[in-house]
PDB file of N, CA and C in Angstrom:
ATOM      1  N   LYS A   1      33.961  42.212   5.140  1.00  0.00           N
ATOM      2  CA  LYS A   1      35.243  41.647   5.051  1.00  0.00           C
ATOM      3  C   LYS A   1      35.304  40.596   3.923  1.00  0.00           C
ATOM      4  N   THR A   2      36.498  40.458   3.368  1.00  0.00           N
ATOM      5  CA  THR A   2      36.668  39.456   2.253  1.00  0.00           C
ATOM      6  C   THR A   2      37.436  38.198   3.046  1.00  0.00           C
ATOM      7  N   ASN A   3      37.523  37.227   2.345  1.00  0.00           N
ATOM      8  CA  ASN A   3      38.188  35.966   2.731  1.00  0.00           C
ATOM      9  C   ASN A   3      38.620  35.264   1.484  1.00  0.00           C
ATOM     10  N   GLU A   4      39.337  34.165   1.706  1.00  0.00           N
ATOM     11  CA  GLU A   4      39.919  33.365   0.725  1.00  0.00           C
ATOM     12  C   GLU A   4      38.830  32.915  -0.399  1.00  0.00           C
ATOM     13  N   ASP A   5      37.843  32.527   0.056  1.00  0.00           N
ATOM     14  CA  ASP A   5      36.729  32.188  -0.893  1.00  0.00           C
ATOM     15  C   ASP A   5      36.419  33.309  -1.836  1.00  0.00           C
ATOM     16  N   PHE A   6      36.326  34.623  -1.312  1.00  0.00           N
ATOM     17  CA  PHE A   6      35.907  35.747  -2.151  1.00  0.00           C
ATOM     18  C   PHE A   6      36.919  35.858  -3.266  1.00  0.00           C
ATOM     19  N   TYR A   7      38.187  35.796  -2.903  1.00  0.00           N
ATOM     20  CA  TYR A   7      39.232  35.829  -3.928  1.00  0.00           C
ATOM     21  C   TYR A   7      39.374  34.622  -4.859  1.00  0.00           C
ATOM     22  N   ALA A   8      39.082  33.517  -4.350  1.00  0.00           N
ATOM     23  CA  ALA A   8      39.169  32.299  -5.229  1.00  0.00           C
ATOM     24  C   ALA A   8      38.005  32.406  -6.282  1.00  0.00           C
ATOM     25  N   ASP A   9      36.868  32.998  -5.858  1.00  0.00           N
ATOM     26  CA  ASP A   9      35.734  32.934  -6.786  1.00  0.00           C
ATOM     27  C   ASP A   9      36.010  33.883  -7.951  1.00  0.00           C
ATOM     28  N   ILE A  10      36.878  34.919  -7.621  1.00  0.00           N
ATOM     29  CA  ILE A  10      37.188  35.934  -8.670  1.00  0.00           C
ATOM     30  C   ILE A  10      37.990  35.233  -9.804  1.00  0.00           C
ATOM     31  N   LEU A  11      38.720  34.138  -9.608  1.00  0.00           N
ATOM     32  CA  LEU A  11      39.626  33.621 -10.614  1.00  0.00           C
ATOM     33  C   LEU A  11      39.031  32.360 -11.323  1.00  0.00           C
ATOM     34  N   LYS A  12      37.709  31.948 -10.853  1.00  0.00           N
ATOM     35  CA  LYS A  12      37.221  30.707 -11.317  1.00  0.00           C
ATOM     36  C   LYS A  12      36.908  30.825 -12.879  1.00  0.00           C
ATOM     37  N   ASN A  13      36.489  31.929 -13.331  1.00  0.00           N
ATOM     38  CA  ASN A  13      36.095  32.193 -14.774  1.00  0.00           C
ATOM     39  C   ASN A  13      37.187  32.847 -15.432  1.00  0.00           C
ATOM     40  N   LYS A  14      37.809  32.123 -16.496  1.00  0.00           N
ATOM     41  CA  LYS A  14      39.069  32.718 -17.130  1.00  0.00           C
ATOM     42  C   LYS A  14      38.617  33.740 -18.229  1.00  0.00           C
ATOM     43  N   ASP A  15      37.335  33.896 -18.602  1.00  0.00           N
ATOM     44  CA  ASP A  15      36.898  34.857 -19.534  1.00  0.00           C
ATOM     45  C   ASP A  15      36.586  36.216 -18.745  1.00  0.00           C
ATOM     46  N   PHE A  16      37.468  37.138 -18.934  1.00  0.00           N
ATOM     47  CA  PHE A  16      37.150  38.394 -18.151  1.00  0.00           C
ATOM     48  C   PHE A  16      35.863  39.021 -18.374  1.00  0.00           C
ATOM     49  N   ASN A  17      35.455  39.201 -19.742  1.00  0.00           N
ATOM     50  CA  ASN A  17      34.129  39.741 -19.887  1.00  0.00           C
ATOM     51  C   ASN A  17      33.038  39.188 -19.204  1.00  0.00           C
ATOM     52  N   ALA A  18      32.997  37.708 -19.312  1.00  0.00           N
ATOM     53  CA  ALA A  18      31.907  37.032 -18.600  1.00  0.00           C
ATOM     54  C   ALA A  18      31.958  37.219 -17.246  1.00  0.00           C
ATOM     55  N   TRP A  19      33.133  37.091 -16.651  1.00  0.00           N
ATOM     56  CA  TRP A  19      33.199  37.182 -15.289  1.00  0.00           C
ATOM     57  C   TRP A  19      32.836  38.642 -14.758  1.00  0.00           C
ATOM     58  N   SER A  20      33.367  39.752 -15.529  1.00  0.00           N
ATOM     59  CA  SER A  20      33.063  40.991 -15.233  1.00  0.00           C
ATOM     60  C   SER A  20      31.563  41.271 -15.102  1.00  0.00           C
ATOM     61  N   LYS A  21      30.878  40.692 -16.136  1.00  0.00           N
ATOM     62  CA  LYS A  21      29.377  40.896 -16.277  1.00  0.00           C
ATOM     63  C   LYS A  21      28.702  40.374 -15.072  1.00  0.00           C
ATOM     64  N   GLU A  22      29.039  39.067 -14.790  1.00  0.00           N
ATOM     65  CA  GLU A  22      28.309  38.426 -13.581  1.00  0.00           C
ATOM     66  C   GLU A  22      28.871  39.115 -12.346  1.00  0.00           C
ATOM     67  N   TYR A  23      30.026  39.422 -12.141  1.00  0.00           N
ATOM     68  CA  TYR A  23      30.394  40.109 -11.060  1.00  0.00           C
ATOM     69  C   TYR A  23      29.757  41.398 -10.557  1.00  0.00           C
ATOM     70  N   ALA A  24      29.539  42.133 -11.722  1.00  0.00           N
ATOM     71  CA  ALA A  24      29.005  43.456 -11.488  1.00  0.00           C
ATOM     72  C   ALA A  24      27.415  43.333 -11.282  1.00  0.00           C
ATOM     73  N   ARG A  25      26.944  42.342 -11.914  1.00  0.00           N
ATOM     74  CA  ARG A  25      25.452  41.966 -11.782  1.00  0.00           C
ATOM     75  C   ARG A  25      25.136  41.484 -10.371  1.00  0.00           C
ATOM     76  N   GLY A  26      25.987  40.843  -9.713  1.00  0.00           N
ATOM     77  CA  GLY A  26      25.745  40.471  -8.288  1.00  0.00           C
ATOM     78  C   GLY A  26      25.631  41.590  -7.434  1.00  0.00           C
ATOM     79  N   PHE A  27      26.585  42.704  -7.578  1.00  0.00           N
ATOM     80  CA  PHE A  27      26.482  43.859  -6.762  1.00  0.00           C
ATOM     81  C   PHE A  27      25.240  44.710  -7.062  1.00  0.00           C
ATOM     82  N   ALA A  28      24.976  44.800  -8.323  1.00  0.00           N
ATOM     83  CA  ALA A  28      23.657  45.583  -8.790  1.00  0.00           C
ATOM     84  C   ALA A  28      22.474  44.873  -8.189  1.00  0.00           C
ATOM     85  N   LYS A  29      22.361  43.639  -8.046  1.00  0.00           N
ATOM     86  CA  LYS A  29      21.197  42.994  -7.502  1.00  0.00           C
ATOM     87  C   LYS A  29      21.107  43.315  -6.084  1.00  0.00           C
ATOM     88  N   THR A  30      22.223  43.274  -5.289  1.00  0.00           N
ATOM     89  CA  THR A  30      22.330  43.583  -3.863  1.00  0.00           C
ATOM     90  C   THR A  30      21.895  45.013  -3.745  1.00  0.00           C
ATOM     91  N   GLY A  31      22.467  45.974  -4.628  1.00  0.00           N
ATOM     92  CA  GLY A  31      22.159  47.399  -4.542  1.00  0.00           C
ATOM     93  C   GLY A  31      20.707  47.626  -4.537  1.00  0.00           C
ATOM     94  N   LYS A  32      20.119  46.981  -5.620  1.00  0.00           N
ATOM     95  CA  LYS A  32      18.601  47.253  -5.865  1.00  0.00           C
ATOM     96  C   LYS A  32      17.722  46.652  -4.759  1.00  0.00           C
ATOM     97  N   SER A  33      18.209  45.567  -4.267  1.00  0.00           N
ATOM     98  CA  SER A  33      17.425  44.986  -3.032  1.00  0.00           C
ATOM     99  C   SER A  33      17.628  45.936  -1.855  1.00  0.00           C
ATOM    100  N   ILE A  34      18.793  46.499  -1.521  1.00  0.00           N
ATOM    101  CA  ILE A  34      19.195  47.569  -0.414  1.00  0.00           C
ATOM    102  C   ILE A  34      18.145  48.653  -0.694  1.00  0.00           C
ATOM    103  N   TYR A  35      18.090  49.148  -1.963  1.00  0.00           N
ATOM    104  CA  TYR A  35      17.241  50.358  -2.213  1.00  0.00           C
ATOM    105  C   TYR A  35      15.782  50.111  -1.755  1.00  0.00           C
ATOM    106  N   TYR A  36      15.261  49.183  -2.276  1.00  0.00           N
ATOM    107  CA  TYR A  36      13.773  48.767  -1.923  1.00  0.00           C
ATOM    108  C   TYR A  36      13.582  48.465  -0.493  1.00  0.00           C
ATOM    109  N   SER A  37      14.472  47.869   0.179  1.00  0.00           N
ATOM    110  CA  SER A  37      14.294  47.442   1.626  1.00  0.00           C
ATOM    111  C   SER A  37      14.749  48.574   2.659  1.00  0.00           C
ATOM    112  N   HIS A  38      15.613  49.529   2.183  1.00  0.00           N
ATOM    113  CA  HIS A  38      16.254  50.343   3.235  1.00  0.00           C
ATOM    114  C   HIS A  38      16.449  51.836   2.715  1.00  0.00           C
ATOM    115  N   ALA A  39      16.350  52.172   1.511  1.00  0.00           N
ATOM    116  CA  ALA A  39      16.739  53.453   1.035  1.00  0.00           C
ATOM    117  C   ALA A  39      15.754  54.204   0.199  1.00  0.00           C
ATOM    118  N   SER A  40      14.431  53.845   0.293  1.00  0.00           N
ATOM    119  CA  SER A  40      13.531  54.785  -0.538  1.00  0.00           C
ATOM    120  C   SER A  40      13.139  55.821   0.324  1.00  0.00           C
ATOM    121  N   MET A  41      12.321  56.895  -0.305  1.00  0.00           N
ATOM    122  CA  MET A  41      12.082  58.067   0.493  1.00  0.00           C
ATOM    123  C   MET A  41      11.206  57.822   1.699  1.00  0.00           C
ATOM    124  N   SER A  42      10.522  56.667   1.804  1.00  0.00           N
ATOM    125  CA  SER A  42       9.656  56.387   2.876  1.00  0.00           C
ATOM    126  C   SER A  42      10.310  55.656   4.031  1.00  0.00           C
ATOM    127  N   HIS A  43      11.761  55.431   4.028  1.00  0.00           N
ATOM    128  CA  HIS A  43      12.427  54.812   5.012  1.00  0.00           C
ATOM    129  C   HIS A  43      12.989  55.747   5.963  1.00  0.00           C
ATOM    130  N   SER A  44      13.301  55.251   7.165  1.00  0.00           N
ATOM    131  CA  SER A  44      13.845  56.069   8.245  1.00  0.00           C
ATOM    132  C   SER A  44      15.408  56.361   8.061  1.00  0.00           C
ATOM    133  N   TRP A  45      15.816  57.254   8.875  1.00  0.00           N
ATOM    134  CA  TRP A  45      17.259  57.563   8.901  1.00  0.00           C
ATOM    135  C   TRP A  45      18.135  56.466   9.211  1.00  0.00           C
ATOM    136  N   ASP A  46      17.611  55.574  10.144  1.00  0.00           N
ATOM    137  CA  ASP A  46      18.382  54.437  10.547  1.00  0.00           C
ATOM    138  C   ASP A  46      18.441  53.457   9.343  1.00  0.00           C
ATOM    139  N   ASP A  47      17.370  53.328   8.594  1.00  0.00           N
ATOM    140  CA  ASP A  47      17.463  52.480   7.341  1.00  0.00           C
ATOM    141  C   ASP A  47      18.509  52.978   6.416  1.00  0.00           C
ATOM    142  N   TRP A  48      18.450  54.307   6.075  1.00  0.00           N
ATOM    143  CA  TRP A  48      19.280  54.847   5.326  1.00  0.00           C
ATOM    144  C   TRP A  48      20.765  54.735   5.728  1.00  0.00           C
ATOM    145  N   ASP A  49      20.940  54.839   6.960  1.00  0.00           N
ATOM    146  CA  ASP A  49      22.423  54.679   7.509  1.00  0.00           C
ATOM    147  C   ASP A  49      22.832  53.182   7.164  1.00  0.00           C
ATOM    148  N   TYR A  50      21.971  52.148   7.459  1.00  0.00           N
ATOM    149  CA  TYR A  50      22.196  50.759   7.093  1.00  0.00           C
ATOM    150  C   TYR A  50      22.486  50.600   5.649  1.00  0.00           C
ATOM    151  N   ALA A  51      21.696  51.201   4.805  1.00  0.00           N
ATOM    152  CA  ALA A  51      21.997  51.107   3.364  1.00  0.00           C
ATOM    153  C   ALA A  51      23.282  51.776   2.954  1.00  0.00           C
ATOM    154  N   ALA A  52      23.515  52.918   3.610  1.00  0.00           N
ATOM    155  CA  ALA A  52      24.904  53.446   3.161  1.00  0.00           C
ATOM    156  C   ALA A  52      26.072  52.570   3.650  1.00  0.00           C
ATOM    157  N   LYS A  53      26.069  51.974   4.741  1.00  0.00           N
ATOM    158  CA  LYS A  53      27.113  51.091   5.248  1.00  0.00           C
ATOM    159  C   LYS A  53      27.271  49.944   4.391  1.00  0.00           C
ATOM    160  N   VAL A  54      26.214  49.362   4.085  1.00  0.00           N
ATOM    161  CA  VAL A  54      26.087  48.108   3.259  1.00  0.00           C
ATOM    162  C   VAL A  54      26.725  48.379   1.738  1.00  0.00           C
ATOM    163  N   THR A  55      26.228  49.462   1.200  1.00  0.00           N
ATOM    164  CA  THR A  55      26.665  49.745  -0.190  1.00  0.00           C
ATOM    165  C   THR A  55      28.051  50.267  -0.284  1.00  0.00           C
ATOM    166  N   LEU A  56      28.585  50.873   0.723  1.00  0.00           N
ATOM    167  CA  LEU A  56      29.821  51.359   0.851  1.00  0.00           C
ATOM    168  C   LEU A  56      30.797  50.100   0.917  1.00  0.00           C
ATOM    169  N   ALA A  57      30.483  49.247   1.724  1.00  0.00           N
ATOM    170  CA  ALA A  57      31.182  47.956   1.927  1.00  0.00           C
ATOM    171  C   ALA A  57      31.239  47.297   0.599  1.00  0.00           C
ATOM    172  N   ASN A  58      30.121  47.176  -0.106  1.00  0.00           N
ATOM    173  CA  ASN A  58      29.982  46.402  -1.294  1.00  0.00           C
ATOM    174  C   ASN A  58      30.833  47.064  -2.406  1.00  0.00           C
ATOM    175  N   SER A  59      30.810  48.347  -2.398  1.00  0.00           N
ATOM    176  CA  SER A  59      31.742  49.086  -3.461  1.00  0.00           C
ATOM    177  C   SER A  59      33.183  48.936  -3.218  1.00  0.00           C
ATOM    178  N   GLN A  60      33.551  48.817  -1.998  1.00  0.00           N
ATOM    179  CA  GLN A  60      35.007  48.480  -1.645  1.00  0.00           C
ATOM    180  C   GLN A  60      35.213  46.980  -2.043  1.00  0.00           C
ATOM    181  N   LYS A  61      34.272  46.131  -1.733  1.00  0.00           N
ATOM    182  CA  LYS A  61      34.514  44.714  -2.160  1.00  0.00           C
ATOM    183  C   LYS A  61      34.563  44.678  -3.678  1.00  0.00           C
ATOM    184  N   GLY A  62      33.901  45.234  -4.448  1.00  0.00           N
ATOM    185  CA  GLY A  62      33.734  45.221  -5.848  1.00  0.00           C
ATOM    186  C   GLY A  62      35.066  45.821  -6.445  1.00  0.00           C
ATOM    187  N   THR A  63      35.483  46.878  -5.981  1.00  0.00           N
ATOM    188  CA  THR A  63      36.720  47.524  -6.278  1.00  0.00           C
ATOM    189  C   THR A  63      37.970  46.649  -6.169  1.00  0.00           C
ATOM    190  N   ALA A  64      37.927  45.966  -4.861  1.00  0.00           N
ATOM    191  CA  ALA A  64      38.983  44.988  -4.495  1.00  0.00           C
ATOM    192  C   ALA A  64      39.064  43.839  -5.516  1.00  0.00           C
ATOM    193  N   GLY A  65      37.837  43.361  -5.888  1.00  0.00           N
ATOM    194  CA  GLY A  65      37.676  42.254  -6.755  1.00  0.00           C
ATOM    195  C   GLY A  65      38.393  42.555  -8.078  1.00  0.00           C
ATOM    196  N   TYR A  66      38.142  43.732  -8.669  1.00  0.00           N
ATOM    197  CA  TYR A  66      38.528  44.162  -9.895  1.00  0.00           C
ATOM    198  C   TYR A  66      40.046  44.393  -9.892  1.00  0.00           C
ATOM    199  N   ILE A  67      40.518  44.932  -8.834  1.00  0.00           N
ATOM    200  CA  ILE A  67      42.052  45.219  -8.651  1.00  0.00           C
ATOM    201  C   ILE A  67      42.750  43.856  -8.559  1.00  0.00           C
ATOM    202  N   TYR A  68      42.252  42.954  -7.777  1.00  0.00           N
ATOM    203  CA  TYR A  68      42.740  41.539  -7.578  1.00  0.00           C
ATOM    204  C   TYR A  68      42.817  40.949  -8.998  1.00  0.00           C
ATOM    205  N   ARG A  69      41.734  40.952  -9.596  1.00  0.00           N
ATOM    206  CA  ARG A  69      41.743  40.223 -10.741  1.00  0.00           C
ATOM    207  C   ARG A  69      42.685  40.734 -11.890  1.00  0.00           C
ATOM    208  N   PHE A  70      42.809  42.006 -12.004  1.00  0.00           N
ATOM    209  CA  PHE A  70      43.659  42.870 -12.992  1.00  0.00           C
ATOM    210  C   PHE A  70      45.078  42.530 -12.439  1.00  0.00           C
ATOM    211  N   LEU A  71      45.358  42.552 -11.297  1.00  0.00           N
ATOM    212  CA  LEU A  71      46.845  42.173 -10.777  1.00  0.00           C
ATOM    213  C   LEU A  71      47.103  40.754 -11.169  1.00  0.00           C
ATOM    214  N   HIS A  72      46.230  39.858 -11.049  1.00  0.00           N
ATOM    215  CA  HIS A  72      46.401  38.434 -11.234  1.00  0.00           C
ATOM    216  C   HIS A  72      46.539  38.218 -12.773  1.00  0.00           C
ATOM    217  N   ASP A  73      45.791  38.985 -13.613  1.00  0.00           N
ATOM    218  CA  ASP A  73      45.919  38.623 -14.987  1.00  0.00           C
ATOM    219  C   ASP A  73      47.116  39.248 -15.645  1.00  0.00           C
ATOM    220  N   VAL A  74      47.618  40.290 -15.185  1.00  0.00           N
ATOM    221  CA  VAL A  74      48.794  41.003 -15.705  1.00  0.00           C
ATOM    222  C   VAL A  74      50.095  40.241 -15.276  1.00  0.00           C
ATOM    223  N   SER A  75      49.954  39.555 -14.211  1.00  0.00           N
ATOM    224  CA  SER A  75      51.088  38.740 -13.601  1.00  0.00           C
ATOM    225  C   SER A  75      51.324  37.526 -14.237  1.00  0.00           C
ATOM    226  N   GLU A  76      50.511  36.984 -15.044  1.00  0.00           N
ATOM    227  CA  GLU A  76      50.464  35.638 -15.678  1.00  0.00           C
ATOM    228  C   GLU A  76      51.448  35.703 -16.776  1.00  0.00           C
TER     229      GLU A  76
END
């Protein structure tokens, strides 16, 4: 779930390129961590299920962040 802090953090950095780089890097680090902890070939189906749920939620949050940032920037 997202909250007000999630959206407020999106607008802190006025430089879109710098923000985008750090924003994507955060999700990439989470994805890499999930892979090693729950989604390699040696993990169970339950681990894979957990990894799928977390990464799907993160992809939705990531997309929401970019859409929110875009709408904010074009409305200024």
